[in-house]
């Protein structure tokens, strides 16, 4: 423990919390000086919210198409399967092709695959849902590290800890 931490703790737990909160807020304010990183982080936050809505919609669809909880369980397993199986390959791909091109390609592919969920209106099938979900999960497995690498490449060294925390 350094001297300032000891002094803060000796003043009491409320002061320690205030100091910790103030330090955290100051770290996030420092991101104002990195506009490209801030834009990428904002886009990542919006994308995260969209992924949560997507998961909720997939749960509802799989419950209806799969006639219960078994369909939901299968969909959640298939959604996680690409990440478990393909993450090492995705990391190698991102290392081999760094930069924004791979991230943009992944985002465009995810848009196209997302639009293919419309097929479920004409062909309501749990297996079609599983297939589309697997393809989407595979692309997302590459997209997440590609975006993380892009954010880190845009961020100054002294602000990388904050950018990493915001992801």
Foldseek 3Di string as FASTA:
>chain_A
DDPVLVVQVVVHDVSNVVVVVVVLVVLVVVCVVQVVLVVLLVVVVVVVVVVVVVLVVLQVLQCVQVVHDVSNVLLVCLLCVLLVPCLVVLVVVCVVDADCPLLVVLVVVLVVLVVCVVVCVVVVHSVVSSVSSNVNSNSVSNNVVNSLRHSQVSDDPVSNVVSVVSD
